[in-house]
Protein backbone atom coordinates (compact mmCIF):
# COMPACT_ATOMS: atom_id res chain seq x y z
CA MET A 1 -0.13 -0.13 0.25
CA ALA A 2 1.34 3.33 -0.71
CA GLY A 3 2.24 5.58 1.89
CA PRO A 4 1.34 9.17 2.87
CA TYR A 5 3.56 10.98 0.90
CA ALA A 6 3.20 8.91 -2.24
CA ARG A 7 -0.33 9.41 -1.68
CA PHE A 8 0.09 13.07 -1.08
CA MET A 9 2.19 13.39 -4.59
CA ASN A 10 -0.63 11.10 -6.24
CA ASP A 11 -3.27 13.69 -5.24
CA TRP A 12 -1.46 16.79 -6.35
CA GLU A 13 -0.51 15.42 -9.54
CA ASN A 14 -3.98 14.55 -10.58
CA ARG A 15 -5.44 17.96 -9.29
CA LEU A 16 -2.64 19.83 -11.84
CA ALA A 17 -3.61 17.51 -14.52
CA ASN A 18 -7.29 17.87 -13.83
CA SER A 19 -6.87 21.64 -13.94
CA ASP A 20 -6.46 21.52 -17.80
CA SER A 21 -10.71 22.05 -18.93
CA ASN A 22 -10.04 21.70 -22.91
CA ARG A 23 -9.15 18.60 -23.30
CA VAL A 24 -11.30 17.31 -26.85
CA GLU A 25 -11.58 13.83 -27.19
CA ARG A 26 -10.91 13.51 -31.03
CA PRO A 27 -11.86 10.64 -33.14
CA PHE A 28 -9.92 7.39 -33.87
CA GLU A 29 -8.04 7.90 -37.59
CA TRP A 30 -5.33 5.83 -38.91
CA GLY A 31 -4.36 8.92 -40.79
CA LEU A 32 -2.62 7.46 -43.85
CA ASP A 33 -3.09 11.03 -45.82
CA TRP A 34 -0.32 11.91 -44.14
CA LEU A 35 1.98 9.91 -44.69
CA GLU A 36 1.04 9.94 -48.36
CA LEU A 37 -0.11 6.45 -48.54
CA ALA A 38 -3.14 5.52 -50.57
CA SER A 39 -6.05 3.76 -48.64
CA GLY A 40 -8.16 1.89 -51.28
CA ASN A 41 -7.13 -1.31 -50.19
CA GLY A 42 -8.83 -1.45 -47.29
CA ASN A 43 -6.08 -3.18 -45.12
CA PRO A 44 -4.50 0.53 -43.73
CA ALA A 45 -3.24 -1.19 -40.60
CA ASN A 46 -1.10 -3.35 -43.24
CA ASP A 47 -0.25 -0.08 -45.03
CA LEU A 48 0.84 1.46 -41.42
CA SER A 49 2.60 -1.50 -40.67
CA LYS A 50 4.37 -1.68 -43.85
CA TYR A 51 5.68 2.11 -43.67
CA VAL A 52 6.61 2.31 -40.55
CA GLU A 53 8.69 -0.96 -40.82
CA ALA A 54 10.38 0.58 -44.05
CA GLY A 55 11.24 3.73 -41.83
CA LEU A 56 12.73 1.34 -39.06
CA ALA A 57 15.07 -0.30 -42.01
CA ASP A 58 16.57 3.64 -42.99
CA SER A 59 15.91 5.90 -40.05
CA SER A 60 18.68 8.14 -41.06
CA SER A 61 16.42 8.62 -44.72
CA PHE A 62 13.50 8.86 -42.41
CA PHE A 63 14.63 11.80 -40.35
CA ALA A 64 16.66 13.20 -43.37
CA TYR A 65 16.21 16.28 -44.52
CA ARG A 66 17.41 19.95 -46.86
CA LYS A 67 18.73 22.50 -44.92
CA PRO A 68 16.56 25.67 -44.39
CA ASP A 69 18.34 28.37 -46.54
CA GLY A 70 15.55 31.08 -45.14
CA PHE A 71 16.80 31.44 -41.43
CA ALA A 72 15.61 35.46 -40.47
CA PHE A 73 16.14 37.39 -37.03
CA ASN A 74 14.25 39.70 -35.30
CA SER A 75 14.98 42.23 -33.31
CA SER A 76 13.09 40.63 -30.52
CA MET A 77 15.44 38.06 -30.77
CA GLU A 78 13.05 35.34 -32.37
CA LEU A 79 14.84 33.17 -35.22
CA GLN A 80 12.27 32.52 -37.98
CA PHE A 81 12.61 29.88 -40.53
CA PRO A 82 11.00 27.43 -43.17
CA SER A 83 10.29 23.77 -41.72
CA PRO A 84 11.97 21.49 -43.87
CA ILE A 85 8.62 19.02 -43.65
CA GLU A 86 5.43 20.94 -44.74
CA SER A 87 1.99 20.12 -42.82
CA ARG A 88 -1.12 21.15 -44.46
CA TYR A 89 -1.59 24.11 -41.80
CA ALA A 90 0.31 27.56 -42.83
CA GLU A 91 1.20 28.69 -39.65
CA ASN A 92 2.48 24.96 -38.48
CA ASN A 93 5.19 25.74 -41.61
CA THR A 94 7.22 28.10 -39.93
CA VAL A 95 9.72 27.40 -36.86
CA HIS A 96 9.44 29.90 -34.28
CA ALA A 97 12.71 29.75 -31.56
CA GLN A 98 13.72 32.17 -29.03
CA TYR A 99 17.41 33.06 -28.43
CA PHE A 100 18.99 33.64 -25.12
CA PRO A 101 22.85 34.38 -26.06
CA SER A 102 25.39 34.61 -23.24
CA PRO A 103 28.64 36.66 -23.76
CA ARG A 104 30.34 33.84 -22.11
CA SER A 105 29.56 31.45 -23.89
CA ASN A 106 32.76 30.31 -25.48
CA GLY A 107 30.88 28.48 -28.13
CA ARG A 108 28.83 26.24 -26.03
CA ALA A 109 25.20 26.17 -27.04
CA VAL A 110 22.20 24.05 -25.45
CA LEU A 111 18.76 23.52 -27.37
CA VAL A 112 16.04 23.46 -25.17
CA ILE A 113 12.76 21.26 -26.07
CA PRO A 114 9.78 21.99 -23.88
CA GLN A 115 6.90 19.72 -23.08
CA TRP A 116 3.40 18.93 -25.25
CA ASN A 117 1.35 22.24 -24.61
CA SER A 118 3.99 24.17 -22.77
CA THR A 119 3.15 28.18 -22.55
CA PRO A 120 4.15 30.58 -24.90
CA ASP A 121 7.37 31.43 -22.59
CA GLY A 122 7.41 28.08 -21.37
CA HIS A 123 11.64 27.39 -20.48
CA PHE A 124 12.43 30.93 -20.76
CA GLY A 125 13.57 30.62 -16.93
CA LEU A 126 15.18 27.76 -17.46
CA CYS A 127 16.84 29.50 -20.49
CA LYS A 128 18.14 32.14 -18.17
CA LEU A 129 19.33 30.04 -15.60
CA LEU A 130 21.60 28.37 -18.65
CA ASN A 131 22.58 31.75 -19.31
CA TRP A 132 23.95 32.21 -15.58
CA HIS A 133 26.04 29.00 -16.31
CA GLY A 134 27.63 30.36 -19.26
CA PHE A 135 25.66 28.86 -22.19
CA SER A 136 23.55 30.35 -25.25
CA ALA A 137 19.80 28.85 -25.54
CA LEU A 138 17.97 28.44 -28.05
CA ARG A 139 13.99 27.69 -26.84
CA LEU A 140 12.04 25.83 -29.85
CA SER A 141 8.60 26.05 -30.19
CA LEU A 142 7.16 22.02 -31.61
CA ALA A 143 5.21 21.64 -34.14
CA TYR A 144 1.61 22.60 -33.65
CA HIS A 145 2.88 25.01 -30.38
CA HIS A 146 2.66 28.94 -29.70
CA ARG A 147 2.50 30.78 -33.07
CA ARG A 148 2.41 27.52 -34.86
CA MET A 149 -0.74 27.03 -33.23
CA PRO A 150 -4.16 26.38 -36.11
CA PRO A 151 -6.68 29.17 -34.61
CA GLU A 152 -8.97 26.16 -34.62
CA LEU A 153 -6.94 24.66 -31.20
CA GLU A 154 -6.52 25.82 -28.20
CA ARG A 155 -4.29 22.74 -27.14
CA ALA A 156 -1.39 21.58 -29.58
CA ASP A 157 -3.55 18.28 -30.34
CA TYR A 158 -2.49 17.92 -33.60
CA HIS A 159 1.10 16.90 -32.44
CA MET A 160 0.19 14.44 -30.52
CA SER A 161 -3.63 12.67 -30.98
CA SER A 162 -5.59 9.88 -31.99
CA ASN A 163 -4.50 10.01 -35.48
CA LEU A 164 -1.81 7.82 -36.11
CA GLY A 165 -0.39 9.44 -39.08
CA ARG A 166 -0.48 12.84 -38.10
CA THR A 167 1.11 12.28 -35.10
CA ILE A 168 4.14 10.12 -36.91
CA HIS A 169 4.21 13.38 -39.19
CA ALA A 170 4.45 15.88 -36.39
CA MET A 171 6.81 14.21 -34.15
CA ARG A 172 9.09 13.82 -37.97
CA GLN A 173 8.60 17.34 -38.33
CA SER A 174 9.76 18.13 -34.51
CA VAL A 175 13.04 16.29 -34.68
CA ILE A 176 13.56 17.70 -38.37
CA ASP A 177 13.12 20.99 -37.30
CA THR A 178 15.50 20.61 -34.08
CA ARG A 179 18.16 19.26 -36.72
CA ALA A 180 17.49 22.61 -38.37
CA CYS A 181 18.10 24.23 -34.91
CA LEU A 182 21.31 22.91 -35.00
CA ASP A 183 22.14 23.91 -38.85
CA TRP A 184 21.67 27.72 -37.22
CA LEU A 185 23.33 27.23 -33.84
CA GLU A 186 26.46 26.30 -36.07
CA GLN A 187 25.99 28.72 -38.61
CA GLN A 188 26.66 31.54 -35.41
CA GLY A 189 29.73 29.83 -34.25
CA TYR A 190 28.76 27.50 -31.81
CA HIS A 191 30.54 24.20 -31.93
CA ARG A 192 30.04 22.46 -28.45
CA LEU A 193 26.50 21.94 -28.60
CA GLY A 194 24.01 20.16 -26.48
CA ILE A 195 20.21 19.67 -26.21
CA LEU A 196 17.66 19.24 -23.41
CA GLY A 197 14.51 18.05 -23.49
CA THR A 198 11.34 17.83 -21.59
CA SER A 199 8.58 15.35 -21.59
CA LEU A 200 7.39 15.23 -25.20
CA GLY A 201 10.53 17.59 -25.72
CA SER A 202 12.57 14.73 -24.31
CA CYS A 203 11.30 12.40 -26.92
CA VAL A 204 11.83 14.39 -29.81
CA ALA A 205 15.47 15.52 -28.40
CA LEU A 206 16.33 11.96 -27.97
CA LEU A 207 15.19 11.15 -31.51
CA ALA A 208 17.51 14.03 -32.37
CA ALA A 209 20.16 12.86 -30.94
CA THR A 210 20.07 9.47 -32.34
CA HIS A 211 20.23 10.52 -35.78
CA ASP A 212 22.59 13.76 -35.26
CA GLY A 213 26.18 13.18 -34.05
CA ARG A 214 26.81 16.71 -33.89
CA LEU A 215 25.54 16.83 -30.06
CA LYS A 216 27.93 16.23 -27.21
CA ALA A 217 25.56 16.14 -24.32
CA GLY A 218 22.23 15.46 -23.78
CA VAL A 219 19.43 15.64 -21.06
CA PHE A 220 16.31 13.71 -21.17
CA ASN A 221 13.85 15.37 -18.32
CA HIS A 222 11.21 12.93 -18.30
CA ILE A 223 12.07 9.45 -20.06
CA SER A 224 10.19 6.22 -21.75
CA MET A 225 11.13 3.97 -24.29
CA HIS A 226 7.74 4.02 -26.17
CA VAL A 227 5.38 7.04 -27.17
CA ALA A 228 2.26 3.98 -26.94
CA GLU A 229 3.08 3.49 -23.13
CA VAL A 230 2.90 6.78 -22.56
CA VAL A 231 -0.16 7.73 -24.54
CA TRP A 232 -2.09 4.73 -23.36
CA THR A 233 -1.37 4.72 -19.59
CA GLY A 234 -0.41 8.50 -18.36
CA ILE A 235 -2.82 10.59 -17.01
CA SER A 236 -1.75 13.13 -19.52
CA CYS A 237 -3.64 11.22 -22.52
CA ARG A 238 -6.63 9.65 -20.84
CA HIS A 239 -8.81 11.50 -23.74
CA ILE A 240 -6.62 10.32 -26.47
CA ARG A 241 -6.33 6.53 -24.55
CA LYS A 242 -10.07 6.76 -24.69
CA SER A 243 -10.28 7.20 -28.46
CA LEU A 244 -8.21 4.39 -28.99
CA ASP A 245 -9.78 2.13 -27.10
CA GLY A 246 -11.57 -0.86 -29.60
CA TYR A 247 -9.84 -0.14 -32.24
CA LEU A 248 -6.18 -0.91 -31.00
CA SER A 249 -3.95 -2.94 -28.31
CA LEU A 250 -1.11 -1.26 -27.04
CA ASP A 251 1.17 -4.09 -28.42
CA GLU A 252 -0.05 -2.22 -31.49
CA LEU A 253 0.07 1.05 -30.74
CA ARG A 254 3.52 0.05 -29.79
CA HIS A 255 4.48 -1.16 -33.03
CA TYR A 256 2.47 1.56 -35.22
CA TRP A 257 4.40 4.80 -33.43
CA SER A 258 7.83 2.77 -32.73
CA LEU A 259 9.11 4.59 -35.37
CA ILE A 260 8.87 8.01 -33.61
CA SER A 261 10.10 6.36 -30.21
CA PRO A 262 13.49 6.20 -28.47
CA ALA A 263 13.36 1.74 -28.21
CA PRO A 264 14.71 1.35 -31.64
CA PHE A 265 17.47 3.73 -31.75
CA LEU A 266 19.13 3.56 -28.77
CA PRO A 267 21.90 1.05 -30.09
CA ARG A 268 23.16 4.21 -32.40
CA LEU A 269 24.25 5.74 -29.78
CA GLN A 270 26.84 2.76 -29.18
CA SER A 271 29.29 4.53 -31.67
CA ASN A 272 28.38 8.16 -30.44
CA PRO A 273 30.46 9.83 -27.87
CA LEU A 274 27.10 11.77 -26.55
CA LYS A 275 27.28 12.38 -22.85
CA ASN A 276 23.55 11.63 -21.08
CA LEU A 277 21.69 12.90 -18.62
CA LEU A 278 18.72 10.68 -17.59
CA ILE A 279 15.72 12.16 -15.38
CA TRP A 280 12.72 10.45 -14.24
CA ALA A 281 10.10 10.80 -11.36
CA GLU A 282 9.62 8.10 -8.80
CA HIS A 283 5.87 9.33 -8.69
CA ASP A 284 5.35 10.52 -12.32
CA THR A 285 1.72 9.83 -13.39
CA THR A 286 2.18 10.81 -17.30
CA PHE A 287 5.84 8.71 -17.61
CA ARG A 288 5.21 5.56 -15.39
CA PRO A 289 8.30 4.61 -13.14
CA GLU A 290 8.16 0.92 -14.60
CA TYR A 291 8.85 2.58 -18.18
CA SER A 292 11.47 4.72 -17.17
CA ARG A 293 13.41 2.28 -15.55
CA HIS A 294 13.09 0.52 -18.85
CA VAL A 295 15.12 2.98 -20.34
CA LEU A 296 17.43 2.92 -17.46
CA GLU A 297 18.19 -0.70 -18.21
CA VAL A 298 18.60 -0.35 -21.80
CA PHE A 299 21.51 2.36 -21.17
CA GLN A 300 22.89 -0.07 -18.55
CA GLN A 301 22.98 -3.15 -21.01
CA LEU A 302 24.52 -1.10 -24.19
CA GLN A 303 26.73 0.58 -21.73
CA LEU A 304 26.00 4.16 -22.71
CA HIS A 305 27.30 7.04 -21.11
CA HIS A 306 24.83 8.14 -18.66
CA GLU A 307 24.24 9.79 -15.20
CA VAL A 308 20.74 9.39 -13.71
CA VAL A 309 18.57 11.90 -11.52
CA LYS A 310 15.42 11.47 -9.32
CA LEU A 311 13.12 13.15 -8.41
CA PRO A 312 10.88 12.77 -5.33
CA CYS A 313 7.87 14.50 -7.25
CA GLY A 314 5.36 13.19 -10.37
CA HIS A 315 5.35 14.73 -14.02
CA TYR A 316 3.42 17.69 -13.93
CA THR A 317 4.91 18.39 -10.04
CA SER A 318 8.54 18.49 -11.40
CA GLY A 319 7.41 22.10 -12.43
CA LYS A 320 6.52 23.31 -9.43
CA LEU A 321 8.82 24.53 -6.04
CA PRO A 322 10.72 22.96 -4.71
CA PHE A 323 11.55 20.39 -7.43
CA ASN A 324 11.83 22.83 -10.42
CA VAL A 325 14.57 24.33 -8.61
CA TRP A 326 16.33 20.82 -7.86
CA ASP A 327 15.70 19.64 -11.43
CA GLY A 328 17.00 22.71 -13.18
CA LEU A 329 20.23 23.05 -11.34
CA ALA A 330 20.49 19.34 -11.98
CA MET A 331 20.36 19.70 -15.63
CA CYS A 332 22.40 23.16 -15.91
CA ASN A 333 24.98 21.46 -13.32
CA PHE A 334 25.62 18.66 -16.18
CA LEU A 335 25.70 20.35 -19.24
CA TYR A 336 28.40 22.81 -17.64
CA ARG A 337 30.73 19.84 -16.72
CA MET A 338 29.91 18.09 -20.07
CA LEU A 339 30.36 20.94 -22.61
């Protein structure tokens, strides 16, 4: 039976999760049109499976892109450029990233990728903390977030939803946008590059890190092997799970979304000297602890360079005092040592 502290944390997590009243339960869709797949044969499951297997067999091509040549920078310290991957929404096709330069960077910069449905100024405080540690920082807005959100949305539902193909497309777009941000940082003269991702941003960051050898250090804040496991069991995605019920099993969803999950790609890090910090929360109700421990086990089995921080809180509560200070300082101190 859970003790008083665990019950307290669980209650706090649920209160914070339930404070969002604008979650929309959308219909299940295969979303083959987002992957440019024909659906005329009446077997969308087989079509999607073949697409995923082809992507897994050549993930370097799946996450490949043409470097943008339209980088623009304005007086508000915001970087803008056309996403190398287009969606059907004009707003989403322009990437936005906020720049926090440090005069003490000495060629060091950290690309910061926030969580799903982060606020427009999300992680600005963390970027300033990175500045204090001597890093320049660039905060990316993920696909369908902030100024990239189509007008009909209140939340970034098109990035993660019960539309399987659109979710794959959005994750691929965010990973490629991440790599394009590294191109821009290199153009500014930064040569010691790190990446820091939280929750959904952690998955995006890890997918980018497994396919881009320019990164020297990675901080992955909340970790899980499979996107499907988070959606199937996490309290943040209960509305998506409801839409999936009756159409798929967890094993099937794990297969379809393996192409946008860390699990198949972690062995790629064996030939990469990337230094990793893995952060997990022992009372997490979104990235459940058993799934985070699985990541730790695989990193150990593969003998990948990594350090671990365990937070005595949950997913939502990691953004509240005192845990956000603990978390932020752990991330910055690791990067300070590794970059």
